Structure formats: structure tokens, C-alpha cells
């Protein structure tokens, strides 16, 4: 998936939902050849203003793929599907 955007997990320190999804999401991403980046919404004022407490959020290519309680498997599958559609164009 070289040249494709990386999925980004937006988190916040102390977020229990972030803690729950982080490990499984990273493992699934790695199995599919993706690097999962992680960023705290507190490190970016624009992300903080846009997403506030709606975390965790999985972004890919600037688009929200999943947020709050979500299935890591479904989220990674959606990233791969969008990447495939982008490659076809």
C-alpha cells in the first residue's frame, strides 16, 4: 500500500475507549500492511475544535472512517475498501 495515506487514530490521554481500540486496531492494520499513526486531539487545535470529545476517531485520507465505539475489523476493512477505490480511479 505504498504511497497511500496512513490511517490515523485520534485519541486523548485517559480515554478508555481509545485504550480499548488501540491494540486491536494496530494489530489488524499491521496484518494488512498498514501503518497506524496515532495522534492526540489535544496536540492539534484544529482537531480539538473539530472533534472535541468524539474520540477515538479513525481517519483515512482526511475522512472519518469510524468514531466512538467501533469494530477495529470493520474499520480496517473500510480503509482497505476506500484505498482500493482510490487506486482504481
PDB file of N, CA and C in Angstrom:
ATOM      1  N   UNK A   1       0.836  -1.192   0.000  1.00  0.00           N
ATOM      2  CA  UNK A   1       0.000   0.000   0.000  1.00  0.00           C
ATOM      3  C   UNK A   1       0.874   1.245   0.000  1.00  0.00           C
ATOM      4  N   UNK A   2       2.020   1.117  -0.582  1.00  0.00           N
ATOM      5  CA  UNK A   2       2.961   2.223  -0.663  1.00  0.00           C
ATOM      6  C   UNK A   2       2.321   3.417  -1.365  1.00  0.00           C
ATOM      7  N   UNK A   3       2.585   4.599  -0.868  1.00  0.00           N
ATOM      8  CA  UNK A   3       2.039   5.808  -1.452  1.00  0.00           C
ATOM      9  C   UNK A   3       0.640   6.155  -0.990  1.00  0.00           C
ATOM     10  N   UNK A   4      -0.005   5.253  -0.297  1.00  0.00           N
ATOM     11  CA  UNK A   4      -1.345   5.516   0.227  1.00  0.00           C
ATOM     12  C   UNK A   4      -1.243   6.249   1.554  1.00  0.00           C
ATOM     13  N   UNK A   5      -2.257   7.040   1.887  1.00  0.00           N
ATOM     14  CA  UNK A   5      -2.272   7.665   3.206  1.00  0.00           C
ATOM     15  C   UNK A   5      -2.332   6.596   4.295  1.00  0.00           C
ATOM     16  N   UNK A   6      -1.821   6.913   5.447  1.00  0.00           N
ATOM     17  CA  UNK A   6      -1.902   6.010   6.593  1.00  0.00           C
ATOM     18  C   UNK A   6      -3.161   6.309   7.387  1.00  0.00           C
ATOM     19  N   UNK A   7      -3.790   5.274   7.941  1.00  0.00           N
ATOM     20  CA  UNK A   7      -4.897   5.549   8.857  1.00  0.00           C
ATOM     21  C   UNK A   7      -4.347   6.219  10.113  1.00  0.00           C
ATOM     22  N   UNK A   8      -5.104   7.136  10.650  1.00  0.00           N
ATOM     23  CA  UNK A   8      -4.697   7.887  11.845  1.00  0.00           C
ATOM     24  C   UNK A   8      -5.756   7.681  12.918  1.00  0.00           C
ATOM     25  N   UNK A   9      -5.314   7.259  14.080  1.00  0.00           N
ATOM     26  CA  UNK A   9      -6.201   7.110  15.227  1.00  0.00           C
ATOM     27  C   UNK A   9      -6.061   8.353  16.095  1.00  0.00           C
ATOM     28  N   UNK A  10      -7.126   9.116  16.197  1.00  0.00           N
ATOM     29  CA  UNK A  10      -7.139  10.291  17.074  1.00  0.00           C
ATOM     30  C   UNK A  10      -7.590   9.853  18.460  1.00  0.00           C
ATOM     31  N   UNK A  11      -6.808  10.214  19.457  1.00  0.00           N
ATOM     32  CA  UNK A  11      -7.057   9.789  20.827  1.00  0.00           C
ATOM     33  C   UNK A  11      -6.963  10.987  21.768  1.00  0.00           C
ATOM     34  N   UNK A  12      -7.151  10.699  23.023  1.00  0.00           N
ATOM     35  CA  UNK A  12      -6.987  11.697  24.083  1.00  0.00           C
ATOM     36  C   UNK A  12      -6.445  10.941  25.290  1.00  0.00           C
ATOM     37  N   UNK A  13      -5.481  11.515  25.999  1.00  0.00           N
ATOM     38  CA  UNK A  13      -4.976  10.851  27.203  1.00  0.00           C
ATOM     39  C   UNK A  13      -6.105  10.546  28.180  1.00  0.00           C
ATOM     40  N   UNK A  14      -6.089   9.331  28.729  1.00  0.00           N
ATOM     41  CA  UNK A  14      -7.095   8.926  29.697  1.00  0.00           C
ATOM     42  C   UNK A  14      -8.393   8.425  29.098  1.00  0.00           C
ATOM     43  N   UNK A  15      -8.467   8.317  27.774  1.00  0.00           N
ATOM     44  CA  UNK A  15      -9.689   7.870  27.099  1.00  0.00           C
ATOM     45  C   UNK A  15      -9.745   6.340  27.133  1.00  0.00           C
ATOM     46  N   UNK A  16     -10.727   5.787  27.858  1.00  0.00           N
ATOM     47  CA  UNK A  16     -10.811   4.332  27.960  1.00  0.00           C
ATOM     48  C   UNK A  16     -11.216   3.682  26.636  1.00  0.00           C
ATOM     49  N   UNK A  17     -12.025   4.345  25.830  1.00  0.00           N
ATOM     50  CA  UNK A  17     -12.380   3.788  24.525  1.00  0.00           C
ATOM     51  C   UNK A  17     -11.157   3.733  23.610  1.00  0.00           C
ATOM     52  N   UNK A  18     -10.312   4.755  23.709  1.00  0.00           N
ATOM     53  CA  UNK A  18      -9.069   4.776  22.928  1.00  0.00           C
ATOM     54  C   UNK A  18      -8.183   3.606  23.336  1.00  0.00           C
ATOM     55  N   UNK A  19      -8.085   3.375  24.638  1.00  0.00           N
ATOM     56  CA  UNK A  19      -7.271   2.276  25.149  1.00  0.00           C
ATOM     57  C   UNK A  19      -7.792   0.929  24.650  1.00  0.00           C
ATOM     58  N   UNK A  20      -9.111   0.775  24.583  1.00  0.00           N
ATOM     59  CA  UNK A  20      -9.718  -0.484  24.149  1.00  0.00           C
ATOM     60  C   UNK A  20      -9.455  -0.783  22.675  1.00  0.00           C
ATOM     61  N   UNK A  21      -9.471   0.223  21.830  1.00  0.00           N
ATOM     62  CA  UNK A  21      -9.372   0.013  20.387  1.00  0.00           C
ATOM     63  C   UNK A  21      -7.933   0.046  19.868  1.00  0.00           C
ATOM     64  N   UNK A  22      -7.044   0.705  20.564  1.00  0.00           N
ATOM     65  CA  UNK A  22      -5.669   0.932  20.095  1.00  0.00           C
ATOM     66  C   UNK A  22      -4.945  -0.361  19.706  1.00  0.00           C
ATOM     67  N   UNK A  23      -4.862  -1.316  20.605  1.00  0.00           N
ATOM     68  CA  UNK A  23      -4.118  -2.546  20.346  1.00  0.00           C
ATOM     69  C   UNK A  23      -4.693  -3.374  19.211  1.00  0.00           C
ATOM     70  N   UNK A  24      -5.988  -3.709  19.277  1.00  0.00           N
ATOM     71  CA  UNK A  24      -6.575  -4.495  18.189  1.00  0.00           C
ATOM     72  C   UNK A  24      -6.488  -3.798  16.824  1.00  0.00           C
ATOM     73  N   UNK A  25      -6.685  -2.494  16.807  1.00  0.00           N
ATOM     74  CA  UNK A  25      -6.638  -1.752  15.551  1.00  0.00           C
ATOM     75  C   UNK A  25      -5.224  -1.773  14.970  1.00  0.00           C
ATOM     76  N   UNK A  26      -4.226  -1.548  15.814  1.00  0.00           N
ATOM     77  CA  UNK A  26      -2.832  -1.568  15.351  1.00  0.00           C
ATOM     78  C   UNK A  26      -2.448  -2.950  14.837  1.00  0.00           C
ATOM     79  N   UNK A  27      -2.885  -4.002  15.537  1.00  0.00           N
ATOM     80  CA  UNK A  27      -2.560  -5.368  15.111  1.00  0.00           C
ATOM     81  C   UNK A  27      -3.204  -5.694  13.762  1.00  0.00           C
ATOM     82  N   UNK A  28      -4.467  -5.334  13.594  1.00  0.00           N
ATOM     83  CA  UNK A  28      -5.156  -5.590  12.327  1.00  0.00           C
ATOM     84  C   UNK A  28      -4.543  -4.777  11.194  1.00  0.00           C
ATOM     85  N   UNK A  29      -4.203  -3.538  11.469  1.00  0.00           N
ATOM     86  CA  UNK A  29      -3.571  -2.699  10.447  1.00  0.00           C
ATOM     87  C   UNK A  29      -2.254  -3.323  10.005  1.00  0.00           C
ATOM     88  N   UNK A  30      -1.437  -3.759  10.952  1.00  0.00           N
ATOM     89  CA  UNK A  30      -0.147  -4.368  10.627  1.00  0.00           C
ATOM     90  C   UNK A  30      -0.329  -5.633   9.793  1.00  0.00           C
ATOM     91  N   UNK A  31      -1.320  -6.454  10.140  1.00  0.00           N
ATOM     92  CA  UNK A  31      -1.586  -7.672   9.372  1.00  0.00           C
ATOM     93  C   UNK A  31      -1.947  -7.362   7.918  1.00  0.00           C
ATOM     94  N   UNK A  32      -2.531  -6.208   7.700  1.00  0.00           N
ATOM     95  CA  UNK A  32      -2.950  -5.808   6.352  1.00  0.00           C
ATOM     96  C   UNK A  32      -1.916  -4.921   5.658  1.00  0.00           C
ATOM     97  N   UNK A  33      -0.743  -4.761   6.284  1.00  0.00           N
ATOM     98  CA  UNK A  33       0.319  -3.974   5.661  1.00  0.00           C
ATOM     99  C   UNK A  33       0.159  -2.474   5.805  1.00  0.00           C
ATOM    100  N   UNK A  34      -0.617  -2.045   6.781  1.00  0.00           N
ATOM    101  CA  UNK A  34      -0.841  -0.621   7.030  1.00  0.00           C
ATOM    102  C   UNK A  34      -0.092  -0.179   8.274  1.00  0.00           C
ATOM    103  N   UNK A  35       0.384   1.035   8.251  1.00  0.00           N
ATOM    104  CA  UNK A  35       0.966   1.626   9.456  1.00  0.00           C
ATOM    105  C   UNK A  35      -0.101   2.505  10.083  1.00  0.00           C
ATOM    106  N   UNK A  36      -0.446   2.237  11.318  1.00  0.00           N
ATOM    107  CA  UNK A  36      -1.431   3.050  12.034  1.00  0.00           C
ATOM    108  C   UNK A  36      -0.706   4.145  12.795  1.00  0.00           C
ATOM    109  N   UNK A  37      -0.976   5.382  12.425  1.00  0.00           N
ATOM    110  CA  UNK A  37      -0.432   6.525  13.156  1.00  0.00           C
ATOM    111  C   UNK A  37      -1.416   6.880  14.267  1.00  0.00           C
ATOM    112  N   UNK A  38      -0.906   7.446  15.330  1.00  0.00           N
ATOM    113  CA  UNK A  38      -1.771   7.869  16.440  1.00  0.00           C
ATOM    114  C   UNK A  38      -1.436   9.304  16.800  1.00  0.00           C
ATOM    115  N   UNK A  39      -2.473  10.096  17.010  1.00  0.00           N
ATOM    116  CA  UNK A  39      -2.297  11.492  17.412  1.00  0.00           C
ATOM    117  C   UNK A  39      -3.322  11.846  18.467  1.00  0.00           C
ATOM    118  N   UNK A  40      -2.897  12.648  19.412  1.00  0.00           N
ATOM    119  CA  UNK A  40      -3.817  13.160  20.416  1.00  0.00           C
ATOM    120  C   UNK A  40      -4.522  14.390  19.854  1.00  0.00           C
ATOM    121  N   UNK A  41      -5.829  14.462  20.033  1.00  0.00           N
ATOM    122  CA  UNK A  41      -6.549  15.662  19.586  1.00  0.00           C
ATOM    123  C   UNK A  41      -6.070  16.887  20.338  1.00  0.00           C
ATOM    124  N   UNK A  42      -5.505  16.679  21.521  1.00  0.00           N
ATOM    125  CA  UNK A  42      -5.014  17.805  22.311  1.00  0.00           C
ATOM    126  C   UNK A  42      -3.751  18.430  21.725  1.00  0.00           C
ATOM    127  N   UNK A  43      -3.077  17.722  20.803  1.00  0.00           N
ATOM    128  CA  UNK A  43      -1.846  18.250  20.220  1.00  0.00           C
ATOM    129  C   UNK A  43      -2.110  19.142  19.011  1.00  0.00           C
ATOM    130  N   UNK A  44      -3.350  19.210  18.567  1.00  0.00           N
ATOM    131  CA  UNK A  44      -3.688  19.986  17.381  1.00  0.00           C
ATOM    132  C   UNK A  44      -4.982  20.761  17.630  1.00  0.00           C
ATOM    133  N   UNK A  45      -4.902  22.088  17.721  1.00  0.00           N
ATOM    134  CA  UNK A  45      -6.102  22.883  17.990  1.00  0.00           C
ATOM    135  C   UNK A  45      -7.229  22.673  16.973  1.00  0.00           C
ATOM    136  N   UNK A  46      -6.899  22.436  15.706  1.00  0.00           N
ATOM    137  CA  UNK A  46      -7.940  22.213  14.701  1.00  0.00           C
ATOM    138  C   UNK A  46      -8.670  20.892  14.954  1.00  0.00           C
ATOM    139  N   UNK A  47      -7.916  19.853  15.294  1.00  0.00           N
ATOM    140  CA  UNK A  47      -8.548  18.567  15.609  1.00  0.00           C
ATOM    141  C   UNK A  47      -9.389  18.684  16.872  1.00  0.00           C
ATOM    142  N   UNK A  48      -8.867  19.392  17.849  1.00  0.00           N
ATOM    143  CA  UNK A  48      -9.599  19.590  19.105  1.00  0.00           C
ATOM    144  C   UNK A  48     -10.919  20.298  18.834  1.00  0.00           C
ATOM    145  N   UNK A  49     -10.878  21.341  18.004  1.00  0.00           N
ATOM    146  CA  UNK A  49     -12.100  22.089  17.691  1.00  0.00           C
ATOM    147  C   UNK A  49     -13.072  21.256  16.853  1.00  0.00           C
ATOM    148  N   UNK A  50     -12.558  20.491  15.917  1.00  0.00           N
ATOM    149  CA  UNK A  50     -13.415  19.710  15.016  1.00  0.00           C
ATOM    150  C   UNK A  50     -14.041  18.503  15.708  1.00  0.00           C
ATOM    151  N   UNK A  51     -13.247  17.788  16.513  1.00  0.00           N
ATOM    152  CA  UNK A  51     -13.718  16.529  17.068  1.00  0.00           C
ATOM    153  C   UNK A  51     -14.057  16.568  18.550  1.00  0.00           C
ATOM    154  N   UNK A  52     -13.484  17.511  19.276  1.00  0.00           N
ATOM    155  CA  UNK A  52     -13.786  17.631  20.694  1.00  0.00           C
ATOM    156  C   UNK A  52     -13.666  16.320  21.428  1.00  0.00           C
ATOM    157  N   UNK A  53     -14.758  15.848  21.995  1.00  0.00           N
ATOM    158  CA  UNK A  53     -14.757  14.616  22.776  1.00  0.00           C
ATOM    159  C   UNK A  53     -15.230  13.404  21.968  1.00  0.00           C
ATOM    160  N   UNK A  54     -15.406  13.574  20.650  1.00  0.00           N
ATOM    161  CA  UNK A  54     -15.871  12.469  19.791  1.00  0.00           C
ATOM    162  C   UNK A  54     -14.724  11.518  19.459  1.00  0.00           C
ATOM    163  N   UNK A  55     -14.088  10.977  20.440  1.00  0.00           N
ATOM    164  CA  UNK A  55     -12.939  10.128  20.199  1.00  0.00           C
ATOM    165  C   UNK A  55     -13.160   8.760  20.837  1.00  0.00           C
ATOM    166  N   UNK A  56     -12.488   7.738  20.412  1.00  0.00           N
ATOM    167  CA  UNK A  56     -11.476   7.737  19.361  1.00  0.00           C
ATOM    168  C   UNK A  56     -12.108   7.918  17.981  1.00  0.00           C
ATOM    169  N   UNK A  57     -11.290   8.411  17.072  1.00  0.00           N
ATOM    170  CA  UNK A  57     -11.709   8.587  15.686  1.00  0.00           C
ATOM    171  C   UNK A  57     -10.625   7.988  14.802  1.00  0.00           C
ATOM    172  N   UNK A  58     -11.045   7.209  13.823  1.00  0.00           N
ATOM    173  CA  UNK A  58     -10.110   6.693  12.832  1.00  0.00           C
ATOM    174  C   UNK A  58     -10.304   7.502  11.559  1.00  0.00           C
ATOM    175  N   UNK A  59      -9.218   8.131  11.115  1.00  0.00           N
ATOM    176  CA  UNK A  59      -9.224   8.918   9.882  1.00  0.00           C
ATOM    177  C   UNK A  59      -8.413   8.197   8.815  1.00  0.00           C
ATOM    178  N   UNK A  60      -8.816   8.359   7.593  1.00  0.00           N
ATOM    179  CA  UNK A  60      -8.016   7.921   6.458  1.00  0.00           C
ATOM    180  C   UNK A  60      -8.196   8.950   5.365  1.00  0.00           C
ATOM    181  N   UNK A  61      -7.091   9.492   4.897  1.00  0.00           N
ATOM    182  CA  UNK A  61      -7.113  10.496   3.831  1.00  0.00           C
ATOM    183  C   UNK A  61      -8.042  11.661   4.176  1.00  0.00           C
ATOM    184  N   UNK A  62      -8.032  12.038   5.468  1.00  0.00           N
ATOM    185  CA  UNK A  62      -8.829  13.172   5.929  1.00  0.00           C
ATOM    186  C   UNK A  62     -10.296  12.874   6.201  1.00  0.00           C
ATOM    187  N   UNK A  63     -10.723  11.646   5.940  1.00  0.00           N
ATOM    188  CA  UNK A  63     -12.124  11.273   6.131  1.00  0.00           C
ATOM    189  C   UNK A  63     -12.294  10.462   7.404  1.00  0.00           C
ATOM    190  N   UNK A  64     -13.395  10.709   8.097  1.00  0.00           N
ATOM    191  CA  UNK A  64     -13.712   9.919   9.284  1.00  0.00           C
ATOM    192  C   UNK A  64     -14.204   8.547   8.822  1.00  0.00           C
ATOM    193  N   UNK A  65     -13.506   7.514   9.267  1.00  0.00           N
ATOM    194  CA  UNK A  65     -13.876   6.141   8.946  1.00  0.00           C
ATOM    195  C   UNK A  65     -14.742   5.559  10.060  1.00  0.00           C
ATOM    196  N   UNK A  66     -14.379   5.857  11.298  1.00  0.00           N
ATOM    197  CA  UNK A  66     -15.112   5.340  12.456  1.00  0.00           C
ATOM    198  C   UNK A  66     -14.864   6.255  13.643  1.00  0.00           C
ATOM    199  N   UNK A  67     -15.818   6.243  14.595  1.00  0.00           N
ATOM    200  CA  UNK A  67     -15.631   7.040  15.808  1.00  0.00           C
ATOM    201  C   UNK A  67     -16.381   6.419  16.969  1.00  0.00           C
ATOM    202  N   UNK A  68     -15.950   6.787  18.170  1.00  0.00           N
ATOM    203  CA  UNK A  68     -16.584   6.272  19.382  1.00  0.00           C
ATOM    204  C   UNK A  68     -16.321   4.785  19.551  1.00  0.00           C
ATOM    205  N   UNK A  69     -17.343   4.031  19.841  1.00  0.00           N
ATOM    206  CA  UNK A  69     -17.215   2.565  19.916  1.00  0.00           C
ATOM    207  C   UNK A  69     -17.341   2.021  18.497  1.00  0.00           C
ATOM    208  N   UNK A  70     -16.285   1.364  18.033  1.00  0.00           N
ATOM    209  CA  UNK A  70     -16.345   0.786  16.700  1.00  0.00           C
ATOM    210  C   UNK A  70     -15.544  -0.501  16.633  1.00  0.00           C
ATOM    211  N   UNK A  71     -15.861  -1.292  15.642  1.00  0.00           N
ATOM    212  CA  UNK A  71     -15.168  -2.553  15.408  1.00  0.00           C
ATOM    213  C   UNK A  71     -13.862  -2.283  14.673  1.00  0.00           C
ATOM    214  N   UNK A  72     -12.726  -2.626  15.264  1.00  0.00           N
ATOM    215  CA  UNK A  72     -11.459  -2.442  14.555  1.00  0.00           C
ATOM    216  C   UNK A  72     -11.444  -3.182  13.211  1.00  0.00           C
ATOM    217  N   UNK A  73     -12.004  -4.382  13.172  1.00  0.00           N
ATOM    218  CA  UNK A  73     -12.036  -5.173  11.933  1.00  0.00           C
ATOM    219  C   UNK A  73     -12.806  -4.431  10.840  1.00  0.00           C
ATOM    220  N   UNK A  74     -13.988  -3.963  11.172  1.00  0.00           N
ATOM    221  CA  UNK A  74     -14.808  -3.242  10.196  1.00  0.00           C
ATOM    222  C   UNK A  74     -14.127  -1.957   9.745  1.00  0.00           C
ATOM    223  N   UNK A  75     -13.500  -1.263  10.670  1.00  0.00           N
ATOM    224  CA  UNK A  75     -12.824  -0.006  10.339  1.00  0.00           C
ATOM    225  C   UNK A  75     -11.662  -0.239   9.379  1.00  0.00           C
ATOM    226  N   UNK A  76     -10.844  -1.252   9.640  1.00  0.00           N
ATOM    227  CA  UNK A  76      -9.717  -1.548   8.747  1.00  0.00           C
ATOM    228  C   UNK A  76     -10.223  -1.997   7.374  1.00  0.00           C
ATOM    229  N   UNK A  77     -11.275  -2.783   7.350  1.00  0.00           N
ATOM    230  CA  UNK A  77     -11.855  -3.198   6.070  1.00  0.00           C
ATOM    231  C   UNK A  77     -12.335  -1.989   5.269  1.00  0.00           C
ATOM    232  N   UNK A  78     -12.901  -1.008   5.953  1.00  0.00           N
ATOM    233  CA  UNK A  78     -13.361   0.211   5.270  1.00  0.00           C
ATOM    234  C   UNK A  78     -12.174   1.000   4.718  1.00  0.00           C
ATOM    235  N   UNK A  79     -11.097   1.096   5.467  1.00  0.00           N
ATOM    236  CA  UNK A  79      -9.887   1.769   4.973  1.00  0.00           C
ATOM    237  C   UNK A  79      -9.399   1.075   3.704  1.00  0.00           C
ATOM    238  N   UNK A  80      -9.314  -0.255   3.741  1.00  0.00           N
ATOM    239  CA  UNK A  80      -8.835  -1.006   2.580  1.00  0.00           C
ATOM    240  C   UNK A  80      -9.767  -0.842   1.379  1.00  0.00           C
ATOM    241  N   UNK A  81     -11.063  -0.823   1.619  1.00  0.00           N
ATOM    242  CA  UNK A  81     -12.024  -0.641   0.529  1.00  0.00           C
ATOM    243  C   UNK A  81     -11.859   0.741  -0.096  1.00  0.00           C
ATOM    244  N   UNK A  82     -11.709   1.747   0.727  1.00  0.00           N
ATOM    245  CA  UNK A  82     -11.530   3.106   0.184  1.00  0.00           C
ATOM    246  C   UNK A  82     -10.206   3.233  -0.553  1.00  0.00           C
ATOM    247  N   UNK A  83      -9.168   2.585  -0.029  1.00  0.00           N
ATOM    248  CA  UNK A  83      -7.871   2.611  -0.705  1.00  0.00           C
ATOM    249  C   UNK A  83      -7.971   1.935  -2.074  1.00  0.00           C
ATOM    250  N   UNK A  84      -8.700   0.833  -2.146  1.00  0.00           N
ATOM    251  CA  UNK A  84      -8.873   0.122  -3.418  1.00  0.00           C
ATOM    252  C   UNK A  84      -9.632   0.989  -4.422  1.00  0.00           C
ATOM    253  N   UNK A  85     -10.675   1.658  -3.968  1.00  0.00           N
ATOM    254  CA  UNK A  85     -11.437   2.537  -4.866  1.00  0.00           C
ATOM    255  C   UNK A  85     -10.578   3.689  -5.358  1.00  0.00           C
ATOM    256  N   UNK A  86      -9.740   4.182  -4.485  1.00  0.00           N
ATOM    257  CA  UNK A  86      -8.868   5.310  -4.860  1.00  0.00           C
ATOM    258  C   UNK A  86      -7.851   4.848  -5.892  1.00  0.00           C
ATOM    259  N   UNK A  87      -7.323   3.646  -5.754  1.00  0.00           N
ATOM    260  CA  UNK A  87      -6.323   3.108  -6.666  1.00  0.00           C
ATOM    261  C   UNK A  87      -6.914   2.862  -8.048  1.00  0.00           C
ATOM    262  N   UNK A  88      -8.165   2.449  -8.100  1.00  0.00           N
ATOM    263  CA  UNK A  88      -8.816   2.140  -9.366  1.00  0.00           C
ATOM    264  C   UNK A  88      -9.015   3.390 -10.216  1.00  0.00           C
ATOM    265  N   UNK A  89      -9.245   4.490  -9.590  1.00  0.00           N
ATOM    266  CA  UNK A  89      -9.528   5.741 -10.348  1.00  0.00           C
ATOM    267  C   UNK A  89      -8.390   6.185 -11.172  1.00  0.00           C
TER     268      UNK A  89
END
